[in-house]
Amino acid sequence: MTSPAPTASRHARSTALAVAGIADLIAICVFVAIGRRNHDEAGSFAGFLTTLWPFLAGAAFGWCITVVATGRRFAPNALVPTGVVVWVSAVVVGMILRVVSGQGTATSFVIVATLATGVLLLGWRAIAALSSRR
């Protein structure tokens, strides 16, 4: 007979994974939406998806790296290492995929993308960490 504690623990872990994944998805969507709006490109959903996919693929790559590196200790809402690895992967892999797919990677865009995704991907994790301490 199993005790209820492991089941509750697994449920909490599954919930944390889902919330973190959705929060990262939202963060990257917000970055893309703001960027496209600032460049008067907000009207095209296909354009939105074209801009979005490299960064989502990069973030997913970061999740995979972190899961493999941390194993059972994987904490999806942790600022370090998960947040940092997802952020750096979203930018680096995202920019590589943009080059491969013929999208732009102007220096100013790389800088803005790095800063904005950092604020968004690390920001929600920092807020979650602060609120959990209270």
C-alpha atoms as a PDB file:
ATOM      1  CA  MET A   1       0.000   0.000   0.000  1.00  0.00           C
ATOM      2  CA  THR A   2       1.392   3.409  -0.926  1.00  0.00           C
ATOM      3  CA  SER A   3       1.286   6.396   1.324  1.00  0.00           C
ATOM      4  CA  PRO A   4      -0.483   9.579   0.199  1.00  0.00           C
ATOM      5  CA  ALA A   5       2.678  11.697   0.555  1.00  0.00           C
ATOM      6  CA  PRO A   6       4.444  10.460  -2.611  1.00  0.00           C
ATOM      7  CA  THR A   7       1.271  10.972  -4.658  1.00  0.00           C
ATOM      8  CA  ALA A   8       0.852  14.517  -3.328  1.00  0.00           C
ATOM      9  CA  SER A   9       4.521  15.174  -4.004  1.00  0.00           C
ATOM     10  CA  ARG A  10       4.235  13.929  -7.585  1.00  0.00           C
ATOM     11  CA  HIS A  11       1.151  16.056  -8.124  1.00  0.00           C
ATOM     12  CA  ALA A  12       2.910  19.147  -6.780  1.00  0.00           C
ATOM     13  CA  ARG A  13       5.888  18.443  -9.026  1.00  0.00           C
ATOM     14  CA  SER A  14       3.672  17.984 -12.081  1.00  0.00           C
ATOM     15  CA  THR A  15       1.884  21.221 -11.282  1.00  0.00           C
ATOM     16  CA  ALA A  16       5.192  23.079 -10.891  1.00  0.00           C
ATOM     17  CA  LEU A  17       6.378  21.713 -14.254  1.00  0.00           C
ATOM     18  CA  ALA A  18       3.182  22.786 -15.997  1.00  0.00           C
ATOM     19  CA  VAL A  19       3.154  26.247 -14.426  1.00  0.00           C
ATOM     20  CA  ALA A  20       6.821  26.853 -15.254  1.00  0.00           C
ATOM     21  CA  GLY A  21       6.385  25.662 -18.824  1.00  0.00           C
ATOM     22  CA  ILE A  22       3.361  27.887 -19.339  1.00  0.00           C
ATOM     23  CA  ALA A  23       5.125  30.851 -17.696  1.00  0.00           C
ATOM     24  CA  ASP A  24       8.122  30.425 -20.028  1.00  0.00           C
ATOM     25  CA  LEU A  25       5.811  30.132 -23.030  1.00  0.00           C
ATOM     26  CA  ILE A  26       3.971  33.303 -22.014  1.00  0.00           C
ATOM     27  CA  ALA A  27       7.243  35.157 -21.378  1.00  0.00           C
ATOM     28  CA  ILE A  28       8.566  34.361 -24.845  1.00  0.00           C
ATOM     29  CA  CYS A  29       5.221  35.162 -26.477  1.00  0.00           C
ATOM     30  CA  VAL A  30       5.181  38.536 -24.700  1.00  0.00           C
ATOM     31  CA  PHE A  31       8.723  39.259 -25.915  1.00  0.00           C
ATOM     32  CA  VAL A  32       7.791  38.434 -29.520  1.00  0.00           C
ATOM     33  CA  ALA A  33       4.471  40.307 -29.394  1.00  0.00           C
ATOM     34  CA  ILE A  34       6.060  43.474 -28.012  1.00  0.00           C
ATOM     35  CA  GLY A  35       8.897  43.326 -30.513  1.00  0.00           C
ATOM     36  CA  ARG A  36       6.605  42.806 -33.482  1.00  0.00           C
ATOM     37  CA  ARG A  37       4.282  45.577 -32.300  1.00  0.00           C
ATOM     38  CA  ASN A  38       7.196  48.002 -31.935  1.00  0.00           C
ATOM     39  CA  HIS A  39       8.158  47.269 -35.535  1.00  0.00           C
ATOM     40  CA  ASP A  40       4.599  47.604 -36.874  1.00  0.00           C
ATOM     41  CA  GLU A  41       4.444  43.877 -37.634  1.00  0.00           C
ATOM     42  CA  ALA A  42       1.742  42.934 -35.141  1.00  0.00           C
ATOM     43  CA  GLY A  43      -0.951  42.076 -37.691  1.00  0.00           C
ATOM     44  CA  SER A  44       0.366  38.782 -39.054  1.00  0.00           C
ATOM     45  CA  PHE A  45      -0.134  35.615 -37.008  1.00  0.00           C
ATOM     46  CA  ALA A  46       2.138  33.706 -39.383  1.00  0.00           C
ATOM     47  CA  GLY A  47       4.814  36.361 -38.840  1.00  0.00           C
ATOM     48  CA  PHE A  48       4.334  36.044 -35.079  1.00  0.00           C
ATOM     49  CA  LEU A  49       4.887  32.284 -35.275  1.00  0.00           C
ATOM     50  CA  THR A  50       7.897  32.743 -37.564  1.00  0.00           C
ATOM     51  CA  THR A  51       9.511  35.023 -34.991  1.00  0.00           C
ATOM     52  CA  LEU A  52       8.418  32.872 -32.041  1.00  0.00           C
ATOM     53  CA  TRP A  53       9.541  29.362 -32.979  1.00  0.00           C
ATOM     54  CA  PRO A  54      13.336  29.831 -32.767  1.00  0.00           C
ATOM     55  CA  PHE A  55      13.111  31.223 -29.242  1.00  0.00           C
ATOM     56  CA  LEU A  56      10.672  28.530 -28.112  1.00  0.00           C
ATOM     57  CA  ALA A  57      12.954  25.851 -29.550  1.00  0.00           C
ATOM     58  CA  GLY A  58      15.892  27.415 -27.717  1.00  0.00           C
ATOM     59  CA  ALA A  59      13.976  27.510 -24.432  1.00  0.00           C
ATOM     60  CA  ALA A  60      12.926  23.867 -24.886  1.00  0.00           C
ATOM     61  CA  PHE A  61      16.573  22.990 -25.492  1.00  0.00           C
ATOM     62  CA  GLY A  62      17.442  24.766 -22.233  1.00  0.00           C
ATOM     63  CA  TRP A  63      14.795  22.784 -20.377  1.00  0.00           C
ATOM     64  CA  CYS A  64      16.241  19.546 -21.768  1.00  0.00           C
ATOM     65  CA  ILE A  65      19.778  20.486 -20.751  1.00  0.00           C
ATOM     66  CA  THR A  66      18.645  21.341 -17.240  1.00  0.00           C
ATOM     67  CA  VAL A  67      16.578  18.175 -16.827  1.00  0.00           C
ATOM     68  CA  VAL A  68      19.499  16.001 -17.940  1.00  0.00           C
ATOM     69  CA  ALA A  69      22.005  17.887 -15.778  1.00  0.00           C
ATOM     70  CA  THR A  70      19.908  17.966 -12.607  1.00  0.00           C
ATOM     71  CA  GLY A  71      17.850  14.767 -12.875  1.00  0.00           C
ATOM     72  CA  ARG A  72      15.532  14.300  -9.933  1.00  0.00           C
ATOM     73  CA  ARG A  73      16.655  17.624  -8.501  1.00  0.00           C
ATOM     74  CA  PHE A  74      15.200  19.481 -11.505  1.00  0.00           C
ATOM     75  CA  ALA A  75      13.395  22.583 -10.258  1.00  0.00           C
ATOM     76  CA  PRO A  76      11.587  24.232 -13.183  1.00  0.00           C
ATOM     77  CA  ASN A  77      10.927  27.481 -11.337  1.00  0.00           C
ATOM     78  CA  ALA A  78      14.465  27.860  -9.964  1.00  0.00           C
ATOM     79  CA  LEU A  79      16.284  30.994 -10.991  1.00  0.00           C
ATOM     80  CA  VAL A  80      19.575  29.040 -11.033  1.00  0.00           C
ATOM     81  CA  PRO A  81      20.269  26.823 -12.862  1.00  0.00           C
ATOM     82  CA  THR A  82      16.971  26.394 -14.732  1.00  0.00           C
ATOM     83  CA  GLY A  83      16.128  30.036 -15.380  1.00  0.00           C
ATOM     84  CA  VAL A  84      19.618  30.976 -16.480  1.00  0.00           C
ATOM     85  CA  VAL A  85      20.028  27.929 -18.725  1.00  0.00           C
ATOM     86  CA  VAL A  86      16.602  28.415 -20.338  1.00  0.00           C
ATOM     87  CA  TRP A  87      17.320  32.128 -20.881  1.00  0.00           C
ATOM     88  CA  VAL A  88      20.763  31.640 -22.407  1.00  0.00           C
ATOM     89  CA  SER A  89      19.529  28.743 -24.546  1.00  0.00           C
ATOM     90  CA  ALA A  90      16.517  30.705 -25.767  1.00  0.00           C
ATOM     91  CA  VAL A  91      18.810  33.500 -26.949  1.00  0.00           C
ATOM     92  CA  VAL A  92      21.761  31.494 -28.296  1.00  0.00           C
ATOM     93  CA  VAL A  93      19.819  28.664 -29.934  1.00  0.00           C
ATOM     94  CA  GLY A  94      17.113  31.115 -30.995  1.00  0.00           C
ATOM     95  CA  MET A  95      19.638  33.313 -32.785  1.00  0.00           C
ATOM     96  CA  ILE A  96      21.311  30.325 -34.446  1.00  0.00           C
ATOM     97  CA  LEU A  97      17.938  29.099 -35.691  1.00  0.00           C
ATOM     98  CA  ARG A  98      17.078  32.588 -36.919  1.00  0.00           C
ATOM     99  CA  VAL A  99      20.294  32.652 -38.979  1.00  0.00           C
ATOM    100  CA  VAL A 100      19.666  29.160 -40.372  1.00  0.00           C
ATOM    101  CA  SER A 101      16.081  30.085 -41.301  1.00  0.00           C
ATOM    102  CA  GLY A 102      17.085  33.375 -42.962  1.00  0.00           C
ATOM    103  CA  GLN A 103      15.775  35.705 -40.255  1.00  0.00           C
ATOM    104  CA  GLY A 104      17.671  38.749 -39.034  1.00  0.00           C
ATOM    105  CA  THR A 105      20.148  38.853 -36.176  1.00  0.00           C
ATOM    106  CA  ALA A 106      21.305  42.462 -36.136  1.00  0.00           C
ATOM    107  CA  THR A 107      23.529  43.284 -33.171  1.00  0.00           C
ATOM    108  CA  SER A 108      20.914  45.624 -31.702  1.00  0.00           C
ATOM    109  CA  PHE A 109      18.303  42.847 -31.937  1.00  0.00           C
ATOM    110  CA  VAL A 110      20.587  40.359 -30.179  1.00  0.00           C
ATOM    111  CA  ILE A 111      21.164  42.855 -27.351  1.00  0.00           C
ATOM    112  CA  VAL A 112      17.478  43.697 -26.970  1.00  0.00           C
ATOM    113  CA  ALA A 113      16.470  40.026 -27.179  1.00  0.00           C
ATOM    114  CA  THR A 114      19.041  39.077 -24.547  1.00  0.00           C
ATOM    115  CA  LEU A 115      17.906  41.779 -22.134  1.00  0.00           C
ATOM    116  CA  ALA A 116      14.176  41.372 -22.710  1.00  0.00           C
ATOM    117  CA  THR A 117      14.110  37.582 -22.488  1.00  0.00           C
ATOM    118  CA  GLY A 118      16.337  37.779 -19.418  1.00  0.00           C
ATOM    119  CA  VAL A 119      13.909  40.114 -17.680  1.00  0.00           C
ATOM    120  CA  LEU A 120      10.935  37.966 -18.652  1.00  0.00           C
ATOM    121  CA  LEU A 121      12.329  34.451 -18.117  1.00  0.00           C
ATOM    122  CA  LEU A 122      14.259  35.296 -14.954  1.00  0.00           C
ATOM    123  CA  GLY A 123      11.773  37.877 -13.727  1.00  0.00           C
ATOM    124  CA  TRP A 124       8.845  35.561 -13.163  1.00  0.00           C
ATOM    125  CA  ARG A 125      11.150  33.109 -11.388  1.00  0.00           C
ATOM    126  CA  ALA A 126      12.509  35.853  -9.114  1.00  0.00           C
ATOM    127  CA  ILE A 127       8.986  36.977  -8.274  1.00  0.00           C
ATOM    128  CA  ALA A 128       7.954  33.376  -7.555  1.00  0.00           C
ATOM    129  CA  ALA A 129      10.987  32.901  -5.296  1.00  0.00           C
ATOM    130  CA  LEU A 130      10.242  36.092  -3.364  1.00  0.00           C
ATOM    131  CA  SER A 131       6.568  35.260  -2.956  1.00  0.00           C
ATOM    132  CA  SER A 132       7.322  31.714  -1.778  1.00  0.00           C
ATOM    133  CA  ARG A 133       9.573  33.076   0.967  1.00  0.00           C
ATOM    134  CA  ARG A 134       6.724  35.131   2.385  1.00  0.00           C
END
